[in-house]
């Protein structure tokens, strides 16, 4: 469970692999399927990985990353989001931008190399 929560999902792969960030692992759709089946879950919802649009659904929408820190470290210019899940387990994502800050230069949307 720790690997799924602190490592990153990746499309187009099976099993676990080494993370290109040199920390933790990456895992494929088969691991998401196994984890959800074993634990009687429909989805893994996680919140630890920077995603530029604030959220990212992968593995046939069975794994979602929700990132709630807009303009992470004051330099990534990413959106943030929250997710609301209704009684029928439908997910509704609300994206938001960072609050404006006085005397701060406008940042360009990019992901620093150390986040890749």
N, C-alpha and C. Protein backbone atom coordinates (compact mmCIF):
# COMPACT_ATOMS: atom_id res chain seq x y z
N UNK A 1 0.82 -1.19 0.00
CA UNK A 1 0.00 0.00 0.00
C UNK A 1 0.87 1.25 0.00
N UNK A 2 1.95 1.21 0.73
CA UNK A 2 2.84 2.38 0.80
C UNK A 2 3.39 2.73 -0.58
N UNK A 3 3.75 1.72 -1.37
CA UNK A 3 4.26 1.99 -2.71
C UNK A 3 3.22 2.66 -3.59
N UNK A 4 1.96 2.26 -3.46
CA UNK A 4 0.92 2.88 -4.26
C UNK A 4 0.65 4.32 -3.83
N UNK A 5 0.77 4.61 -2.55
CA UNK A 5 0.46 5.95 -2.08
C UNK A 5 1.61 6.93 -2.29
N UNK A 6 2.85 6.46 -2.20
CA UNK A 6 3.99 7.37 -2.28
C UNK A 6 4.74 7.29 -3.59
N UNK A 7 4.36 6.38 -4.44
CA UNK A 7 4.97 6.29 -5.77
C UNK A 7 3.96 6.78 -6.79
N UNK A 8 4.28 6.65 -8.06
CA UNK A 8 3.45 7.29 -9.09
C UNK A 8 2.91 6.30 -10.11
N UNK A 9 1.63 6.45 -10.47
CA UNK A 9 1.08 5.60 -11.52
C UNK A 9 1.62 6.04 -12.88
N UNK A 10 1.69 5.10 -13.80
CA UNK A 10 2.16 5.44 -15.15
C UNK A 10 1.34 4.67 -16.17
N UNK A 11 0.87 5.37 -17.17
CA UNK A 11 0.14 4.73 -18.26
C UNK A 11 1.09 3.93 -19.12
N UNK A 12 0.56 2.87 -19.73
CA UNK A 12 1.34 2.13 -20.71
C UNK A 12 2.39 1.19 -20.14
N UNK A 13 2.26 0.82 -18.90
CA UNK A 13 3.24 -0.11 -18.32
C UNK A 13 2.49 -1.12 -17.47
N UNK A 14 3.18 -2.21 -17.16
CA UNK A 14 2.68 -3.23 -16.26
C UNK A 14 3.66 -3.38 -15.11
N UNK A 15 3.14 -3.79 -13.95
CA UNK A 15 4.00 -4.03 -12.80
C UNK A 15 4.57 -2.75 -12.21
N UNK A 16 5.59 -2.96 -11.38
CA UNK A 16 6.31 -1.86 -10.76
C UNK A 16 7.63 -1.64 -11.48
N UNK A 17 8.11 -0.41 -11.48
CA UNK A 17 9.42 -0.07 -12.04
C UNK A 17 10.05 1.04 -11.23
N UNK A 18 11.28 1.34 -11.54
CA UNK A 18 11.98 2.44 -10.85
C UNK A 18 11.47 3.78 -11.37
N UNK A 19 11.32 4.70 -10.46
CA UNK A 19 10.85 6.02 -10.82
C UNK A 19 11.95 6.83 -11.49
N UNK A 20 11.62 7.58 -12.55
CA UNK A 20 12.63 8.45 -13.16
C UNK A 20 13.06 9.58 -12.23
N UNK A 21 12.29 9.82 -11.17
CA UNK A 21 12.66 10.84 -10.18
C UNK A 21 13.66 10.30 -9.17
N UNK A 22 14.02 9.01 -9.31
CA UNK A 22 14.99 8.36 -8.43
C UNK A 22 14.50 8.18 -7.00
N UNK A 23 13.21 8.31 -6.79
CA UNK A 23 12.61 8.10 -5.48
C UNK A 23 11.35 7.28 -5.68
N UNK A 24 11.18 6.23 -4.91
CA UNK A 24 9.97 5.44 -5.02
C UNK A 24 9.92 4.62 -6.30
N UNK A 25 8.70 4.34 -6.72
CA UNK A 25 8.48 3.49 -7.88
C UNK A 25 7.44 4.11 -8.79
N UNK A 26 7.24 3.51 -9.93
CA UNK A 26 6.10 3.77 -10.78
C UNK A 26 5.37 2.44 -10.90
N UNK A 27 4.08 2.48 -11.12
CA UNK A 27 3.32 1.24 -11.26
C UNK A 27 2.32 1.34 -12.38
N UNK A 28 1.94 0.18 -12.91
CA UNK A 28 1.06 0.10 -14.05
C UNK A 28 -0.38 -0.24 -13.69
N UNK A 29 -1.19 -0.29 -14.74
CA UNK A 29 -2.62 -0.53 -14.61
C UNK A 29 -2.92 -1.86 -13.93
N UNK A 30 -2.09 -2.86 -14.14
CA UNK A 30 -2.33 -4.17 -13.51
C UNK A 30 -2.24 -4.08 -12.00
N UNK A 31 -1.33 -3.27 -11.49
CA UNK A 31 -1.20 -3.11 -10.04
C UNK A 31 -2.40 -2.35 -9.47
N UNK A 32 -2.89 -1.37 -10.21
CA UNK A 32 -4.10 -0.66 -9.79
C UNK A 32 -5.27 -1.63 -9.73
N UNK A 33 -5.43 -2.45 -10.77
CA UNK A 33 -6.52 -3.43 -10.82
C UNK A 33 -6.43 -4.39 -9.63
N UNK A 34 -5.24 -4.92 -9.39
CA UNK A 34 -5.06 -5.88 -8.29
C UNK A 34 -5.39 -5.24 -6.94
N UNK A 35 -4.89 -4.03 -6.72
CA UNK A 35 -5.11 -3.36 -5.45
C UNK A 35 -6.60 -3.09 -5.23
N UNK A 36 -7.26 -2.58 -6.25
CA UNK A 36 -8.69 -2.29 -6.12
C UNK A 36 -9.49 -3.57 -5.88
N UNK A 37 -9.18 -4.62 -6.61
CA UNK A 37 -9.89 -5.89 -6.44
C UNK A 37 -9.67 -6.46 -5.03
N UNK A 38 -8.44 -6.53 -4.60
CA UNK A 38 -8.11 -7.10 -3.29
C UNK A 38 -8.77 -6.34 -2.15
N UNK A 39 -8.88 -5.02 -2.30
CA UNK A 39 -9.42 -4.18 -1.23
C UNK A 39 -10.86 -3.73 -1.47
N UNK A 40 -11.51 -4.33 -2.48
CA UNK A 40 -12.91 -4.03 -2.80
C UNK A 40 -13.13 -2.52 -3.00
N UNK A 41 -12.27 -1.92 -3.80
CA UNK A 41 -12.34 -0.49 -4.10
C UNK A 41 -12.68 -0.27 -5.57
N UNK A 42 -13.22 0.89 -5.86
CA UNK A 42 -13.48 1.26 -7.26
C UNK A 42 -12.42 2.20 -7.80
N UNK A 43 -11.73 2.90 -6.89
CA UNK A 43 -10.77 3.91 -7.33
C UNK A 43 -9.72 4.14 -6.26
N UNK A 44 -8.52 4.47 -6.70
CA UNK A 44 -7.48 4.98 -5.81
C UNK A 44 -7.44 6.48 -6.03
N UNK A 45 -7.58 7.25 -4.97
CA UNK A 45 -7.49 8.70 -5.04
C UNK A 45 -6.30 9.11 -4.21
N UNK A 46 -5.34 9.76 -4.83
CA UNK A 46 -4.08 10.11 -4.16
C UNK A 46 -3.80 11.58 -4.38
N UNK A 47 -2.87 12.14 -3.61
CA UNK A 47 -2.69 13.59 -3.66
C UNK A 47 -1.25 14.02 -3.49
N UNK A 48 -0.30 13.24 -3.89
CA UNK A 48 1.07 13.62 -3.56
C UNK A 48 1.95 14.02 -4.75
N UNK A 49 1.46 13.88 -5.96
CA UNK A 49 2.29 14.12 -7.14
C UNK A 49 1.84 15.39 -7.87
N UNK A 50 2.78 16.24 -8.22
CA UNK A 50 2.47 17.44 -8.99
C UNK A 50 1.88 17.04 -10.34
N UNK A 51 0.69 17.55 -10.63
CA UNK A 51 0.08 17.40 -11.96
C UNK A 51 -0.34 18.79 -12.41
N UNK A 52 0.01 19.14 -13.61
CA UNK A 52 -0.13 20.52 -14.08
C UNK A 52 -1.58 21.01 -14.15
N UNK A 53 -2.53 20.12 -14.42
CA UNK A 53 -3.93 20.54 -14.54
C UNK A 53 -4.70 20.42 -13.22
N UNK A 54 -4.01 20.07 -12.14
CA UNK A 54 -4.65 19.96 -10.83
C UNK A 54 -5.14 18.56 -10.52
N UNK A 55 -5.45 17.80 -11.54
CA UNK A 55 -5.82 16.40 -11.35
C UNK A 55 -5.46 15.63 -12.61
N UNK A 56 -5.31 14.32 -12.44
CA UNK A 56 -4.97 13.46 -13.58
C UNK A 56 -5.53 12.07 -13.32
N UNK A 57 -6.43 11.64 -14.20
CA UNK A 57 -7.01 10.30 -14.11
C UNK A 57 -6.23 9.36 -15.02
N UNK A 58 -5.86 8.20 -14.50
CA UNK A 58 -5.15 7.19 -15.28
C UNK A 58 -5.75 5.82 -15.01
N UNK A 59 -5.25 4.84 -15.72
CA UNK A 59 -5.64 3.44 -15.53
C UNK A 59 -7.16 3.27 -15.60
N UNK A 60 -7.71 3.71 -16.74
CA UNK A 60 -9.17 3.61 -16.96
C UNK A 60 -9.97 4.31 -15.88
N UNK A 61 -9.45 5.44 -15.41
CA UNK A 61 -10.07 6.28 -14.37
C UNK A 61 -10.20 5.56 -13.03
N UNK A 62 -9.37 4.55 -12.81
CA UNK A 62 -9.38 3.85 -11.53
C UNK A 62 -8.32 4.39 -10.58
N UNK A 63 -7.51 5.32 -11.06
CA UNK A 63 -6.51 5.96 -10.21
C UNK A 63 -6.49 7.44 -10.59
N UNK A 64 -6.66 8.29 -9.60
CA UNK A 64 -6.63 9.73 -9.86
C UNK A 64 -5.67 10.39 -8.87
N UNK A 65 -4.91 11.34 -9.40
CA UNK A 65 -4.07 12.19 -8.57
C UNK A 65 -4.74 13.56 -8.51
N UNK A 66 -4.96 14.05 -7.31
CA UNK A 66 -5.55 15.37 -7.09
C UNK A 66 -4.49 16.19 -6.37
N UNK A 67 -4.08 17.29 -6.98
CA UNK A 67 -3.02 18.12 -6.42
C UNK A 67 -3.60 19.47 -6.05
N UNK A 68 -3.55 19.84 -4.79
CA UNK A 68 -4.26 21.03 -4.32
C UNK A 68 -3.37 22.23 -4.02
N UNK A 69 -2.15 22.24 -4.54
CA UNK A 69 -1.24 23.37 -4.30
C UNK A 69 -1.00 24.11 -5.61
N UNK A 70 -1.76 25.20 -5.86
CA UNK A 70 -1.56 25.94 -7.11
C UNK A 70 -0.22 26.66 -7.12
N UNK A 71 0.37 26.74 -8.29
CA UNK A 71 1.67 27.38 -8.47
C UNK A 71 2.66 26.85 -7.43
N UNK A 72 2.82 25.55 -7.42
CA UNK A 72 3.65 24.85 -6.44
C UNK A 72 5.04 25.47 -6.34
N UNK A 73 5.49 25.69 -5.14
CA UNK A 73 6.79 26.32 -4.84
C UNK A 73 6.92 27.70 -5.47
N UNK A 74 5.81 28.32 -5.78
CA UNK A 74 5.77 29.65 -6.42
C UNK A 74 6.51 29.69 -7.75
N UNK A 75 6.60 28.54 -8.45
CA UNK A 75 7.31 28.58 -9.72
C UNK A 75 6.80 27.61 -10.77
N UNK A 76 5.86 26.75 -10.44
CA UNK A 76 5.41 25.74 -11.42
C UNK A 76 4.22 26.20 -12.25
N UNK A 77 3.50 27.21 -11.77
CA UNK A 77 2.34 27.76 -12.46
C UNK A 77 1.31 26.69 -12.80
N UNK A 78 1.20 25.67 -11.97
CA UNK A 78 0.21 24.62 -12.17
C UNK A 78 -1.13 25.03 -11.58
N UNK A 79 -2.19 24.44 -12.11
CA UNK A 79 -3.50 24.58 -11.51
C UNK A 79 -3.58 23.65 -10.30
N UNK A 80 -4.58 23.86 -9.49
CA UNK A 80 -4.87 22.95 -8.38
C UNK A 80 -6.31 22.50 -8.54
N UNK A 81 -6.69 21.49 -7.79
CA UNK A 81 -8.07 21.04 -7.86
C UNK A 81 -8.50 20.38 -6.57
N UNK A 82 -9.81 20.28 -6.45
CA UNK A 82 -10.42 19.46 -5.42
C UNK A 82 -11.39 18.53 -6.15
N UNK A 83 -11.72 17.44 -5.51
CA UNK A 83 -12.67 16.50 -6.10
C UNK A 83 -13.83 16.32 -5.15
N UNK A 84 -15.03 16.36 -5.69
CA UNK A 84 -16.23 16.04 -4.94
C UNK A 84 -16.77 14.73 -5.51
N UNK A 85 -17.08 13.81 -4.62
CA UNK A 85 -17.62 12.53 -5.05
C UNK A 85 -19.03 12.41 -4.49
N UNK A 86 -20.00 12.20 -5.40
CA UNK A 86 -21.40 12.15 -4.97
C UNK A 86 -21.78 10.76 -4.47
N UNK A 87 -23.04 10.60 -4.11
CA UNK A 87 -23.53 9.34 -3.55
C UNK A 87 -23.44 8.17 -4.53
N UNK A 88 -23.40 8.48 -5.83
CA UNK A 88 -23.28 7.44 -6.85
C UNK A 88 -21.82 7.22 -7.26
N UNK A 89 -20.90 7.83 -6.53
CA UNK A 89 -19.45 7.74 -6.76
C UNK A 89 -19.00 8.39 -8.07
N UNK A 90 -19.75 9.39 -8.51
CA UNK A 90 -19.32 10.20 -9.66
C UNK A 90 -18.38 11.28 -9.14
N UNK A 91 -17.26 11.45 -9.82
CA UNK A 91 -16.26 12.44 -9.41
C UNK A 91 -16.46 13.74 -10.19
N UNK A 92 -16.46 14.85 -9.48
CA UNK A 92 -16.54 16.17 -10.10
C UNK A 92 -15.32 16.96 -9.63
N UNK A 93 -14.48 17.37 -10.59
CA UNK A 93 -13.24 18.08 -10.28
C UNK A 93 -13.44 19.57 -10.46
N UNK A 94 -12.98 20.34 -9.49
CA UNK A 94 -13.00 21.80 -9.59
C UNK A 94 -11.56 22.27 -9.60
N UNK A 95 -11.17 22.93 -10.67
CA UNK A 95 -9.80 23.43 -10.81
C UNK A 95 -9.76 24.89 -10.38
N UNK A 96 -8.63 25.30 -9.86
CA UNK A 96 -8.47 26.71 -9.52
C UNK A 96 -7.02 27.13 -9.69
N UNK A 97 -6.87 28.43 -9.89
CA UNK A 97 -5.56 29.05 -10.09
C UNK A 97 -5.08 29.62 -8.76
N UNK A 98 -3.79 29.94 -8.68
CA UNK A 98 -3.30 30.55 -7.44
C UNK A 98 -3.86 31.96 -7.27
N UNK A 99 -3.93 32.39 -6.02
CA UNK A 99 -4.33 33.76 -5.75
C UNK A 99 -3.24 34.70 -6.24
N UNK A 100 -3.59 35.83 -6.78
CA UNK A 100 -2.55 36.78 -7.24
C UNK A 100 -1.72 37.28 -6.07
N UNK A 101 -0.45 37.50 -6.35
CA UNK A 101 0.47 38.03 -5.33
C UNK A 101 1.06 39.32 -5.85
N UNK A 102 1.15 40.30 -5.00
CA UNK A 102 1.71 41.59 -5.40
C UNK A 102 3.20 41.47 -5.69
N UNK A 103 3.65 42.21 -6.70
CA UNK A 103 5.07 42.29 -7.06
C UNK A 103 5.70 40.94 -7.41
N UNK A 104 4.91 40.02 -7.89
CA UNK A 104 5.46 38.73 -8.29
C UNK A 104 5.44 38.64 -9.82
N UNK A 105 6.57 38.32 -10.41
CA UNK A 105 6.57 38.19 -11.86
C UNK A 105 5.70 37.01 -12.29
N UNK A 106 5.11 37.12 -13.46
CA UNK A 106 4.27 36.04 -13.99
C UNK A 106 5.15 34.86 -14.35
N UNK A 107 4.79 33.66 -13.89
CA UNK A 107 5.57 32.47 -14.20
C UNK A 107 5.07 31.81 -15.46
N UNK A 108 5.91 31.03 -16.06
CA UNK A 108 5.57 30.29 -17.27
C UNK A 108 5.24 28.87 -16.87
N UNK A 109 4.20 28.28 -17.51
CA UNK A 109 3.83 26.90 -17.19
C UNK A 109 4.94 25.96 -17.60
N UNK A 110 5.55 25.33 -16.62
CA UNK A 110 6.59 24.35 -16.90
C UNK A 110 6.75 23.47 -15.66
N UNK A 111 7.34 22.34 -15.85
CA UNK A 111 7.63 21.45 -14.73
C UNK A 111 9.13 21.44 -14.55
N UNK A 112 9.62 21.83 -13.37
CA UNK A 112 11.07 21.81 -13.15
C UNK A 112 11.61 20.40 -13.33
N UNK A 113 12.84 20.28 -13.76
CA UNK A 113 13.45 19.00 -14.06
C UNK A 113 13.41 18.05 -12.87
N UNK A 114 13.53 18.57 -11.65
CA UNK A 114 13.57 17.67 -10.51
C UNK A 114 12.20 17.07 -10.18
N UNK A 115 11.13 17.47 -10.85
CA UNK A 115 9.81 16.87 -10.66
C UNK A 115 9.53 15.78 -11.68
N UNK A 116 10.38 15.65 -12.69
CA UNK A 116 10.09 14.67 -13.75
C UNK A 116 10.40 13.27 -13.33
